[in-house]
PDB file of N, CA and C in Angstrom:
ATOM      1  N   MET A   1      -6.137 -64.178   3.736  1.00  0.00           N
ATOM      2  CA  MET A   1      -6.118 -65.334   4.270  1.00  0.00           C
ATOM      3  C   MET A   1      -5.890 -66.422   3.185  1.00  0.00           C
ATOM      4  N   THR A   2      -4.785 -67.337   3.934  1.00  0.00           N
ATOM      5  CA  THR A   2      -4.164 -67.844   3.249  1.00  0.00           C
ATOM      6  C   THR A   2      -4.518 -69.529   3.474  1.00  0.00           C
ATOM      7  N   THR A   3      -5.084 -70.457   2.935  1.00  0.00           N
ATOM      8  CA  THR A   3      -5.459 -71.563   3.513  1.00  0.00           C
ATOM      9  C   THR A   3      -4.485 -72.496   2.013  1.00  0.00           C
ATOM     10  N   SER A   4      -3.911 -73.450   2.988  1.00  0.00           N
ATOM     11  CA  SER A   4      -3.118 -74.773   2.486  1.00  0.00           C
ATOM     12  C   SER A   4      -3.584 -75.933   1.844  1.00  0.00           C
ATOM     13  N   ILE A   5      -3.752 -76.244   0.859  1.00  0.00           N
ATOM     14  CA  ILE A   5      -4.469 -77.672   0.682  1.00  0.00           C
ATOM     15  C   ILE A   5      -3.226 -78.745   1.071  1.00  0.00           C
ATOM     16  N   ILE A   6      -4.227 -79.511   1.834  1.00  0.00           N
ATOM     17  CA  ILE A   6      -3.693 -80.888   2.768  1.00  0.00           C
ATOM     18  C   ILE A   6      -3.534 -81.773   1.380  1.00  0.00           C
ATOM     19  N   PRO A   7      -2.023 -82.088   1.706  1.00  0.00           N
ATOM     20  CA  PRO A   7      -1.722 -83.369   0.438  1.00  0.00           C
ATOM     21  C   PRO A   7      -2.599 -84.715   0.777  1.00  0.00           C
ATOM     22  N   THR A   8      -3.050 -85.296  -0.115  1.00  0.00           N
ATOM     23  CA  THR A   8      -3.635 -86.520  -0.810  1.00  0.00           C
ATOM     24  C   THR A   8      -3.017 -87.533  -0.757  1.00  0.00           C
ATOM     25  N   GLU A   9      -1.774 -87.047  -1.801  1.00  0.00           N
ATOM     26  CA  GLU A   9      -1.071 -88.187  -2.239  1.00  0.00           C
ATOM     27  C   GLU A   9       0.678 -88.296  -1.749  1.00  0.00           C
ATOM     28  N   MET A  10       1.297 -89.057  -2.008  1.00  0.00           N
ATOM     29  CA  MET A  10       2.467 -89.486  -1.268  1.00  0.00           C
ATOM     30  C   MET A  10       3.298 -89.949  -2.495  1.00  0.00           C
ATOM     31  N   THR A  11       4.483 -89.553  -3.064  1.00  0.00           N
ATOM     32  CA  THR A  11       5.167 -90.568  -3.852  1.00  0.00           C
ATOM     33  C   THR A  11       6.205 -91.626  -2.689  1.00  0.00           C
ATOM     34  N   PHE A  12       6.969 -92.452  -3.803  1.00  0.00           N
ATOM     35  CA  PHE A  12       7.925 -92.906  -2.917  1.00  0.00           C
ATOM     36  C   PHE A  12       8.835 -93.828  -3.885  1.00  0.00           C
ATOM     37  N   PHE A  13      10.178 -93.777  -3.623  1.00  0.00           N
ATOM     38  CA  PHE A  13      11.012 -94.716  -5.272  1.00  0.00           C
ATOM     39  C   PHE A  13      10.558 -96.228  -4.562  1.00  0.00           C
ATOM     40  N   ALA A  14      10.605 -96.639  -5.750  1.00  0.00           N
ATOM     41  CA  ALA A  14       9.670 -98.101  -6.226  1.00  0.00           C
ATOM     42  C   ALA A  14      10.726 -99.192  -5.220  1.00  0.00           C
ATOM     43  N   ARG A  15      11.844 -98.554  -5.341  1.00  0.00           N
ATOM     44  CA  ARG A  15      12.886 -99.623  -3.980  1.00  0.00           C
ATOM     45  C   ARG A  15      12.483 -99.582  -2.536  1.00  0.00           C
ATOM     46  N   PHE A  16      11.459 -98.561  -2.160  1.00  0.00           N
ATOM     47  CA  PHE A  16      10.766 -98.760  -1.057  1.00  0.00           C
ATOM     48  C   PHE A  16       9.823 -99.446  -0.465  1.00  0.00           C
ATOM     49  N   GLU A  17       8.792 -99.892  -1.307  1.00  0.00           N
ATOM     50  CA  GLU A  17       7.413-100.518  -1.351  1.00  0.00           C
ATOM     51  C   GLU A  17       7.655-101.849  -1.009  1.00  0.00           C
ATOM     52  N   SER A  18       8.458-102.552  -0.472  1.00  0.00           N
ATOM     53  CA  SER A  18       8.610-103.615   0.007  1.00  0.00           C
ATOM     54  C   SER A  18       8.872-103.800   1.572  1.00  0.00           C
ATOM     55  N   ASP A  19       9.319-102.704   1.847  1.00  0.00           N
ATOM     56  CA  ASP A  19       9.732-101.849   3.101  1.00  0.00           C
ATOM     57  C   ASP A  19       8.781-101.506   3.939  1.00  0.00           C
ATOM     58  N   ILE A  20       7.805-100.508   3.030  1.00  0.00           N
ATOM     59  CA  ILE A  20       6.631 -99.834   3.711  1.00  0.00           C
ATOM     60  C   ILE A  20       5.224-101.244   3.631  1.00  0.00           C
ATOM     61  N   LEU A  21       5.017-101.582   2.724  1.00  0.00           N
ATOM     62  CA  LEU A  21       4.597-103.088   2.885  1.00  0.00           C
ATOM     63  C   LEU A  21       4.444-103.599   4.315  1.00  0.00           C
ATOM     64  N   SER A  22       5.758-103.874   4.435  1.00  0.00           N
ATOM     65  CA  SER A  22       5.804-105.237   5.368  1.00  0.00           C
ATOM     66  C   SER A  22       5.956-104.482   6.787  1.00  0.00           C
ATOM     67  N   GLY A  23       5.611-102.678   6.603  1.00  0.00           N
ATOM     68  CA  GLY A  23       5.963-102.164   7.914  1.00  0.00           C
ATOM     69  C   GLY A  23       7.233-102.435   8.604  1.00  0.00           C
ATOM     70  N   LYS A  24       8.344-102.415   7.920  1.00  0.00           N
ATOM     71  CA  LYS A  24       9.525-102.460   8.248  1.00  0.00           C
ATOM     72  C   LYS A  24      10.003-100.778   7.877  1.00  0.00           C
ATOM     73  N   LYS A  25       9.333-100.274   7.220  1.00  0.00           N
ATOM     74  CA  LYS A  25       9.802 -98.829   6.733  1.00  0.00           C
ATOM     75  C   LYS A  25       8.299 -97.738   7.394  1.00  0.00           C
ATOM     76  N   THR A  26       8.382 -96.929   8.424  1.00  0.00           N
ATOM     77  CA  THR A  26       7.734 -96.378   9.225  1.00  0.00           C
ATOM     78  C   THR A  26       7.592 -94.588   9.272  1.00  0.00           C
ATOM     79  N   ILE A  27       8.945 -94.233   8.371  1.00  0.00           N
ATOM     80  CA  ILE A  27       8.975 -92.749   7.968  1.00  0.00           C
ATOM     81  C   ILE A  27       9.143 -92.630   6.861  1.00  0.00           C
ATOM     82  N   THR A  28       9.185 -91.429   6.390  1.00  0.00           N
ATOM     83  CA  THR A  28       9.920 -91.178   5.676  1.00  0.00           C
ATOM     84  C   THR A  28      10.389 -89.614   5.759  1.00  0.00           C
ATOM     85  N   ILE A  29      11.641 -89.077   5.325  1.00  0.00           N
ATOM     86  CA  ILE A  29      12.106 -88.163   5.812  1.00  0.00           C
ATOM     87  C   ILE A  29      12.322 -87.000   4.345  1.00  0.00           C
ATOM     88  N   ARG A  30      11.384 -86.099   4.463  1.00  0.00           N
ATOM     89  CA  ARG A  30      11.199 -84.694   3.050  1.00  0.00           C
ATOM     90  C   ARG A  30      11.728 -83.924   3.365  1.00  0.00           C
ATOM     91  N   ASP A  31      11.971 -83.268   2.287  1.00  0.00           N
ATOM     92  CA  ASP A  31      12.349 -81.138   2.233  1.00  0.00           C
ATOM     93  C   ASP A  31      11.211 -80.719   2.902  1.00  0.00           C
ATOM     94  N   GLU A  32      11.912 -79.702   3.394  1.00  0.00           N
ATOM     95  CA  GLU A  32      10.152 -78.270   3.549  1.00  0.00           C
ATOM     96  C   GLU A  32       9.173 -78.476   2.417  1.00  0.00           C
ATOM     97  N   ALA A  33       9.524 -78.843   0.977  1.00  0.00           N
ATOM     98  CA  ALA A  33       8.311 -78.292  -0.301  1.00  0.00           C
ATOM     99  C   ALA A  33       7.418 -79.685   0.412  1.00  0.00           C
ATOM    100  N   GLU A  34       7.829 -81.247   0.943  1.00  0.00           N
ATOM    101  CA  GLU A  34       6.993 -82.038   1.383  1.00  0.00           C
ATOM    102  C   GLU A  34       6.202 -82.154   2.665  1.00  0.00           C
ATOM    103  N   SER A  35       6.806 -81.214   3.218  1.00  0.00           N
ATOM    104  CA  SER A  35       6.792 -81.072   4.864  1.00  0.00           C
ATOM    105  C   SER A  35       4.935 -81.092   5.263  1.00  0.00           C
ATOM    106  N   HIS A  36       3.908 -80.894   4.140  1.00  0.00           N
ATOM    107  CA  HIS A  36       2.288 -80.119   4.704  1.00  0.00           C
ATOM    108  C   HIS A  36       1.882 -81.492   4.932  1.00  0.00           C
ATOM    109  N   TYR A  37       2.234 -82.047   5.036  1.00  0.00           N
ATOM    110  CA  TYR A  37       1.452 -82.934   5.702  1.00  0.00           C
ATOM    111  C   TYR A  37       0.340 -83.456   6.857  1.00  0.00           C
ATOM    112  N   VAL A  38      -0.995 -83.763   7.043  1.00  0.00           N
ATOM    113  CA  VAL A  38      -1.228 -82.974   8.082  1.00  0.00           C
ATOM    114  C   VAL A  38      -1.359 -84.802   8.942  1.00  0.00           C
ATOM    115  N   PRO A  39      -0.798 -84.890  10.574  1.00  0.00           N
ATOM    116  CA  PRO A  39      -1.587 -85.496  10.797  1.00  0.00           C
ATOM    117  C   PRO A  39      -2.722 -86.252  10.992  1.00  0.00           C
ATOM    118  N   GLY A  40      -3.592 -87.433  10.961  1.00  0.00           N
ATOM    119  CA  GLY A  40      -4.921 -87.954  11.351  1.00  0.00           C
ATOM    120  C   GLY A  40      -5.383 -88.226   9.582  1.00  0.00           C
ATOM    121  N   THR A  41      -4.480 -86.980   8.774  1.00  0.00           N
ATOM    122  CA  THR A  41      -5.362 -87.554   7.273  1.00  0.00           C
ATOM    123  C   THR A  41      -4.287 -88.991   6.097  1.00  0.00           C
ATOM    124  N   THR A  42      -5.330 -89.849   5.068  1.00  0.00           N
ATOM    125  CA  THR A  42      -4.641 -90.685   5.080  1.00  0.00           C
ATOM    126  C   THR A  42      -4.572 -90.407   3.477  1.00  0.00           C
ATOM    127  N   VAL A  43      -3.397 -90.607   3.219  1.00  0.00           N
ATOM    128  CA  VAL A  43      -2.392 -90.302   1.497  1.00  0.00           C
ATOM    129  C   VAL A  43      -2.551 -91.474   0.723  1.00  0.00           C
ATOM    130  N   GLU A  44      -2.710 -91.698  -0.971  1.00  0.00           N
ATOM    131  CA  GLU A  44      -2.719 -92.135  -1.821  1.00  0.00           C
ATOM    132  C   GLU A  44      -1.423 -92.466  -1.918  1.00  0.00           C
ATOM    133  N   VAL A  45      -0.685 -93.385  -1.991  1.00  0.00           N
ATOM    134  CA  VAL A  45       1.123 -93.800  -2.458  1.00  0.00           C
ATOM    135  C   VAL A  45       1.165 -94.658  -3.301  1.00  0.00           C
ATOM    136  N   SER A  46       1.708 -93.910  -4.503  1.00  0.00           N
ATOM    137  CA  SER A  46       2.186 -94.459  -5.540  1.00  0.00           C
ATOM    138  C   SER A  46       3.859 -94.377  -5.634  1.00  0.00           C
ATOM    139  N   THR A  47       4.187 -95.179  -7.130  1.00  0.00           N
ATOM    140  CA  THR A  47       5.856 -95.008  -6.812  1.00  0.00           C
ATOM    141  C   THR A  47       6.269 -94.030  -7.378  1.00  0.00           C
ATOM    142  N   TYR A  48       7.762 -93.492  -6.807  1.00  0.00           N
ATOM    143  CA  TYR A  48       7.709 -92.059  -8.126  1.00  0.00           C
ATOM    144  C   TYR A  48       7.817 -91.910  -9.380  1.00  0.00           C
ATOM    145  N   GLU A  49       8.758 -93.473  -9.703  1.00  0.00           N
ATOM    146  CA  GLU A  49       8.671 -93.718 -10.852  1.00  0.00           C
ATOM    147  C   GLU A  49       7.544 -93.606 -12.174  1.00  0.00           C
ATOM    148  N   ASP A  50       7.063 -94.192 -11.314  1.00  0.00           N
ATOM    149  CA  ASP A  50       6.147 -94.668 -12.795  1.00  0.00           C
ATOM    150  C   ASP A  50       4.159 -94.438 -12.036  1.00  0.00           C
ATOM    151  N   GLY A  51       3.840 -93.819 -11.270  1.00  0.00           N
ATOM    152  CA  GLY A  51       3.367 -93.150 -10.636  1.00  0.00           C
ATOM    153  C   GLY A  51       2.078 -94.321 -10.083  1.00  0.00           C
ATOM    154  N   ARG A  52       2.953 -95.933 -10.334  1.00  0.00           N
ATOM    155  CA  ARG A  52       2.094 -96.711  -9.914  1.00  0.00           C
ATOM    156  C   ARG A  52       1.323 -97.112  -8.330  1.00  0.00           C
ATOM    157  N   TRP A  53       0.097 -96.726  -7.774  1.00  0.00           N
ATOM    158  CA  TRP A  53      -0.421 -96.968  -6.795  1.00  0.00           C
ATOM    159  C   TRP A  53      -0.053 -98.154  -6.033  1.00  0.00           C
ATOM    160  N   PHE A  54       0.452 -98.284  -4.479  1.00  0.00           N
ATOM    161  CA  PHE A  54       0.273 -99.590  -4.040  1.00  0.00           C
ATOM    162  C   PHE A  54      -0.795 -99.798  -2.435  1.00  0.00           C
ATOM    163  N   CYS A  55      -0.340 -98.600  -1.604  1.00  0.00           N
ATOM    164  CA  CYS A  55      -0.961 -98.481  -0.405  1.00  0.00           C
ATOM    165  C   CYS A  55      -1.704 -97.253  -0.386  1.00  0.00           C
ATOM    166  N   ARG A  56      -1.870 -97.457   0.988  1.00  0.00           N
ATOM    167  CA  ARG A  56      -2.234 -96.145   1.824  1.00  0.00           C
ATOM    168  C   ARG A  56      -1.863 -95.745   3.139  1.00  0.00           C
ATOM    169  N   LEU A  57      -1.332 -95.008   3.616  1.00  0.00           N
ATOM    170  CA  LEU A  57      -0.614 -94.274   4.598  1.00  0.00           C
ATOM    171  C   LEU A  57      -1.861 -93.095   5.797  1.00  0.00           C
ATOM    172  N   GLU A  58      -1.960 -93.974   6.612  1.00  0.00           N
ATOM    173  CA  GLU A  58      -2.273 -92.986   7.515  1.00  0.00           C
ATOM    174  C   GLU A  58      -1.243 -91.740   8.464  1.00  0.00           C
ATOM    175  N   ILE A  59      -1.267 -90.602   7.892  1.00  0.00           N
ATOM    176  CA  ILE A  59      -0.189 -89.701   8.624  1.00  0.00           C
ATOM    177  C   ILE A  59      -0.343 -89.574  10.142  1.00  0.00           C
ATOM    178  N   LEU A  60       0.767 -90.213  11.028  1.00  0.00           N
ATOM    179  CA  LEU A  60       0.729 -89.758  12.380  1.00  0.00           C
ATOM    180  C   LEU A  60       1.617 -88.532  12.970  1.00  0.00           C
ATOM    181  N   SER A  61       2.555 -87.874  12.273  1.00  0.00           N
ATOM    182  CA  SER A  61       3.076 -86.892  12.847  1.00  0.00           C
ATOM    183  C   SER A  61       3.954 -86.307  12.087  1.00  0.00           C
ATOM    184  N   VAL A  62       4.261 -84.557  11.705  1.00  0.00           N
ATOM    185  CA  VAL A  62       5.605 -84.328  11.022  1.00  0.00           C
ATOM    186  C   VAL A  62       5.739 -83.560  11.809  1.00  0.00           C
ATOM    187  N   GLU A  63       7.059 -83.608  11.893  1.00  0.00           N
ATOM    188  CA  GLU A  63       8.119 -83.357  12.965  1.00  0.00           C
ATOM    189  C   GLU A  63       9.862 -82.826  12.007  1.00  0.00           C
ATOM    190  N   PRO A  64       9.855 -81.647  12.507  1.00  0.00           N
ATOM    191  CA  PRO A  64      11.176 -81.094  12.158  1.00  0.00           C
ATOM    192  C   PRO A  64      12.009 -81.857  12.426  1.00  0.00           C
ATOM    193  N   ILE A  65      13.057 -81.673  11.501  1.00  0.00           N
ATOM    194  CA  ILE A  65      14.792 -82.335  11.810  1.00  0.00           C
ATOM    195  C   ILE A  65      16.005 -81.803  11.054  1.00  0.00           C
ATOM    196  N   ALA A  66      17.199 -81.881  11.635  1.00  0.00           N
ATOM    197  CA  ALA A  66      18.466 -80.683  11.383  1.00  0.00           C
ATOM    198  C   ALA A  66      19.220 -82.229  10.828  1.00  0.00           C
ATOM    199  N   PHE A  67      19.340 -82.421   9.453  1.00  0.00           N
ATOM    200  CA  PHE A  67      20.213 -83.674   8.733  1.00  0.00           C
ATOM    201  C   PHE A  67      21.054 -84.267   9.826  1.00  0.00           C
ATOM    202  N   SER A  68      21.935 -83.026  10.619  1.00  0.00           N
ATOM    203  CA  SER A  68      22.936 -83.340  11.819  1.00  0.00           C
ATOM    204  C   SER A  68      22.464 -83.697  12.737  1.00  0.00           C
ATOM    205  N   GLU A  69      21.133 -83.837  13.073  1.00  0.00           N
ATOM    206  CA  GLU A  69      20.443 -84.554  14.236  1.00  0.00           C
ATOM    207  C   GLU A  69      19.827 -86.137  14.058  1.00  0.00           C
ATOM    208  N   LEU A  70      20.137 -86.146  12.148  1.00  0.00           N
ATOM    209  CA  LEU A  70      19.351 -87.791  11.819  1.00  0.00           C
ATOM    210  C   LEU A  70      20.321 -88.718  12.688  1.00  0.00           C
ATOM    211  N   ASN A  71      19.194 -90.040  13.476  1.00  0.00           N
ATOM    212  CA  ASN A  71      20.256 -91.307  14.380  1.00  0.00           C
ATOM    213  C   ASN A  71      20.458 -92.819  14.244  1.00  0.00           C
ATOM    214  N   ASP A  72      20.659 -93.331  15.123  1.00  0.00           N
ATOM    215  CA  ASP A  72      20.194 -94.619  15.007  1.00  0.00           C
ATOM    216  C   ASP A  72      18.585 -94.895  14.809  1.00  0.00           C
ATOM    217  N   PHE A  73      18.007 -94.583  15.756  1.00  0.00           N
ATOM    218  CA  PHE A  73      16.480 -94.420  15.182  1.00  0.00           C
ATOM    219  C   PHE A  73      15.925 -94.344  14.253  1.00  0.00           C
ATOM    220  N   HIS A  74      15.773 -93.302  13.695  1.00  0.00           N
ATOM    221  CA  HIS A  74      15.718 -92.858  12.200  1.00  0.00           C
ATOM    222  C   HIS A  74      16.026 -93.969  11.318  1.00  0.00           C
ATOM    223  N   ALA A  75      17.258 -94.647  11.437  1.00  0.00           N
ATOM    224  CA  ALA A  75      17.822 -95.215  10.673  1.00  0.00           C
ATOM    225  C   ALA A  75      17.323 -96.673  10.561  1.00  0.00           C
ATOM    226  N   GLN A  76      17.027 -96.919  11.931  1.00  0.00           N
ATOM    227  CA  GLN A  76      15.658 -97.977  12.313  1.00  0.00           C
ATOM    228  C   GLN A  76      14.174 -98.271  11.679  1.00  0.00           C
ATOM    229  N   GLN A  77      13.388 -96.830  11.582  1.00  0.00           N
ATOM    230  CA  GLN A  77      12.851 -96.428  11.709  1.00  0.00           C
ATOM    231  C   GLN A  77      12.430 -96.707   9.967  1.00  0.00           C
ATOM    232  N   GLU A  78      13.700 -96.350   8.700  1.00  0.00           N
ATOM    233  CA  GLU A  78      13.929 -96.561   7.563  1.00  0.00           C
ATOM    234  C   GLU A  78      14.217 -98.033   7.143  1.00  0.00           C
ATOM    235  N   ASN A  79      14.784 -98.638   8.101  1.00  0.00           N
ATOM    236  CA  ASN A  79      15.548 -99.699   7.656  1.00  0.00           C
ATOM    237  C   ASN A  79      16.531 -99.811   6.903  1.00  0.00           C
ATOM    238  N   MET A  80      17.383 -99.063   6.920  1.00  0.00           N
ATOM    239  CA  MET A  80      18.437 -99.138   6.980  1.00  0.00           C
ATOM    240  C   MET A  80      19.213 -98.873   8.021  1.00  0.00           C
ATOM    241  N   THR A  81      21.110 -98.315   7.972  1.00  0.00           N
ATOM    242  CA  THR A  81      21.692 -98.040   8.494  1.00  0.00           C
ATOM    243  C   THR A  81      21.929 -96.401   8.462  1.00  0.00           C
ATOM    244  N   LEU A  82      22.169 -95.773   9.699  1.00  0.00           N
ATOM    245  CA  LEU A  82      22.736 -94.416  10.026  1.00  0.00           C
ATOM    246  C   LEU A  82      23.117 -93.657   8.517  1.00  0.00           C
ATOM    247  N   THR A  83      24.352 -94.486   7.976  1.00  0.00           N
ATOM    248  CA  THR A  83      25.368 -94.735   6.874  1.00  0.00           C
ATOM    249  C   THR A  83      24.481 -94.220   5.760  1.00  0.00           C
ATOM    250  N   GLU A  84      23.954 -95.693   5.506  1.00  0.00           N
ATOM    251  CA  GLU A  84      23.096 -95.621   4.416  1.00  0.00           C
ATOM    252  C   GLU A  84      21.393 -93.855   4.549  1.00  0.00           C
ATOM    253  N   LEU A  85      20.818 -94.208   5.462  1.00  0.00           N
ATOM    254  CA  LEU A  85      20.339 -93.361   5.290  1.00  0.00           C
ATOM    255  C   LEU A  85      20.846 -91.695   4.828  1.00  0.00           C
ATOM    256  N   LYS A  86      21.593 -91.472   5.764  1.00  0.00           N
ATOM    257  CA  LYS A  86      22.100 -90.471   5.021  1.00  0.00           C
ATOM    258  C   LYS A  86      22.827 -90.011   3.494  1.00  0.00           C
ATOM    259  N   ALA A  87      23.246 -91.751   3.761  1.00  0.00           N
ATOM    260  CA  ALA A  87      23.847 -91.229   1.925  1.00  0.00           C
ATOM    261  C   ALA A  87      22.801 -91.034   0.541  1.00  0.00           C
ATOM    262  N   VAL A  88      21.342 -91.965   1.325  1.00  0.00           N
ATOM    263  CA  VAL A  88      20.184 -91.536   0.685  1.00  0.00           C
ATOM    264  C   VAL A  88      19.870 -89.862   0.540  1.00  0.00           C
ATOM    265  N   ILE A  89      19.631 -90.045   1.699  1.00  0.00           N
ATOM    266  CA  ILE A  89      19.236 -87.997   1.988  1.00  0.00           C
ATOM    267  C   ILE A  89      19.919 -87.400   0.797  1.00  0.00           C
ATOM    268  N   ASN A  90      21.664 -87.633   1.138  1.00  0.00           N
ATOM    269  CA  ASN A  90      22.155 -86.724   0.753  1.00  0.00           C
ATOM    270  C   ASN A  90      22.300 -86.664  -0.796  1.00  0.00           C
ATOM    271  N   ASP A  91      21.757 -87.820  -1.518  1.00  0.00           N
ATOM    272  CA  ASP A  91      21.396 -88.029  -2.935  1.00  0.00           C
ATOM    273  C   ASP A  91      19.947 -87.402  -2.844  1.00  0.00           C
ATOM    274  N   ILE A  92      19.160 -87.824  -2.390  1.00  0.00           N
ATOM    275  CA  ILE A  92      18.322 -86.999  -2.851  1.00  0.00           C
ATOM    276  C   ILE A  92      17.629 -85.433  -3.008  1.00  0.00           C
ATOM    277  N   TYR A  93      18.013 -85.043  -1.538  1.00  0.00           N
ATOM    278  CA  TYR A  93      18.411 -83.765  -1.303  1.00  0.00           C
ATOM    279  C   TYR A  93      20.108 -82.967  -0.813  1.00  0.00           C
ATOM    280  N   PRO A  94      20.878 -83.186  -1.689  1.00  0.00           N
ATOM    281  CA  PRO A  94      21.878 -83.136  -1.732  1.00  0.00           C
ATOM    282  C   PRO A  94      22.376 -81.170  -0.709  1.00  0.00           C
ATOM    283  N   GLY A  95      23.446 -81.190   0.152  1.00  0.00           N
ATOM    284  CA  GLY A  95      23.647 -80.258   0.784  1.00  0.00           C
ATOM    285  C   GLY A  95      22.047 -79.418   1.813  1.00  0.00           C
ATOM    286  N   ILE A  96      21.475 -80.227   1.841  1.00  0.00           N
ATOM    287  CA  ILE A  96      20.134 -79.570   2.994  1.00  0.00           C
ATOM    288  C   ILE A  96      20.525 -80.131   4.228  1.00  0.00           C
ATOM    289  N   GLU A  97      19.937 -78.721   5.070  1.00  0.00           N
ATOM    290  CA  GLU A  97      20.218 -78.966   6.499  1.00  0.00           C
ATOM    291  C   GLU A  97      18.987 -79.576   7.279  1.00  0.00           C
ATOM    292  N   LYS A  98      18.036 -78.461   6.696  1.00  0.00           N
ATOM    293  CA  LYS A  98      16.489 -78.726   7.432  1.00  0.00           C
ATOM    294  C   LYS A  98      15.216 -79.374   6.991  1.00  0.00           C
ATOM    295  N   LEU A  99      15.463 -80.590   7.638  1.00  0.00           N
ATOM    296  CA  LEU A  99      14.437 -82.301   7.196  1.00  0.00           C
ATOM    297  C   LEU A  99      13.236 -81.719   7.935  1.00  0.00           C
ATOM    298  N   TYR A 100      12.066 -82.757   7.442  1.00  0.00           N
ATOM    299  CA  TYR A 100      11.306 -82.881   8.294  1.00  0.00           C
ATOM    300  C   TYR A 100      10.545 -85.017   8.054  1.00  0.00           C
ATOM    301  N   VAL A 101      10.405 -85.078   9.411  1.00  0.00           N
ATOM    302  CA  VAL A 101      10.038 -86.982   9.551  1.00  0.00           C
ATOM    303  C   VAL A 101       8.504 -86.871   9.235  1.00  0.00           C
ATOM    304  N   VAL A 102       8.248 -87.526   8.696  1.00  0.00           N
ATOM    305  CA  VAL A 102       6.686 -87.578   8.363  1.00  0.00           C
ATOM    306  C   VAL A 102       7.093 -89.303   9.017  1.00  0.00           C
ATOM    307  N   ASN A 103       6.038 -89.344   9.970  1.00  0.00           N
ATOM    308  CA  ASN A 103       5.721 -90.982  10.711  1.00  0.00           C
ATOM    309  C   ASN A 103       4.222 -91.062  10.530  1.00  0.00           C
ATOM    310  N   TYR A 104       4.662 -92.462   9.608  1.00  0.00           N
ATOM    311  CA  TYR A 104       3.105 -93.202   9.489  1.00  0.00           C
ATOM    312  C   TYR A 104       2.934 -94.132   9.298  1.00  0.00           C
ATOM    313  N   VAL A 105       1.362 -94.984   9.363  1.00  0.00           N
ATOM    314  CA  VAL A 105       1.205 -96.105   9.365  1.00  0.00           C
ATOM    315  C   VAL A 105       0.469 -96.792   8.422  1.00  0.00           C
ATOM    316  N   LEU A 106       0.822 -97.801   7.810  1.00  0.00           N
ATOM    317  CA  LEU A 106       0.150 -98.414   7.116  1.00  0.00           C
ATOM    318  C   LEU A 106      -1.402 -98.487   7.013  1.00  0.00           C
ATOM    319  N   VAL A 107      -2.573 -98.372   6.171  1.00  0.00           N
ATOM    320  CA  VAL A 107      -3.749 -98.744   6.418  1.00  0.00           C
ATOM    321  C   VAL A 107      -4.345 -99.847   5.562  1.00  0.00           C
ATOM    322  N   LYS A 108      -4.778-100.802   6.637  1.00  0.00           N
ATOM    323  CA  LYS A 108      -5.106-102.083   6.209  1.00  0.00           C
ATOM    324  C   LYS A 108      -6.220-102.595   5.112  1.00  0.00           C
TER     325      LYS A 108
END
């Protein structure tokens, strides 16, 4: 029997911090390695670059999505254009098609 460990931490590039804290960014799109977040749990959030903690997020949902299915609504939730979103994802996860949308809310 395998038991999976529920993630309690999440990192973001520092450039996304202000959008997360202001509530303008309400999702993150991750690959399968970072798809194991559990709805209803809270994660401690820090910057990817230097590990500086900056908030807590409650995970609302985790849904699979294909890169080709990303649309303007996802881009709006990321506080960017669809072109920008696809470029960012291609930069972080080059050539990947299977992704996961992690929807969250800032814990005040």
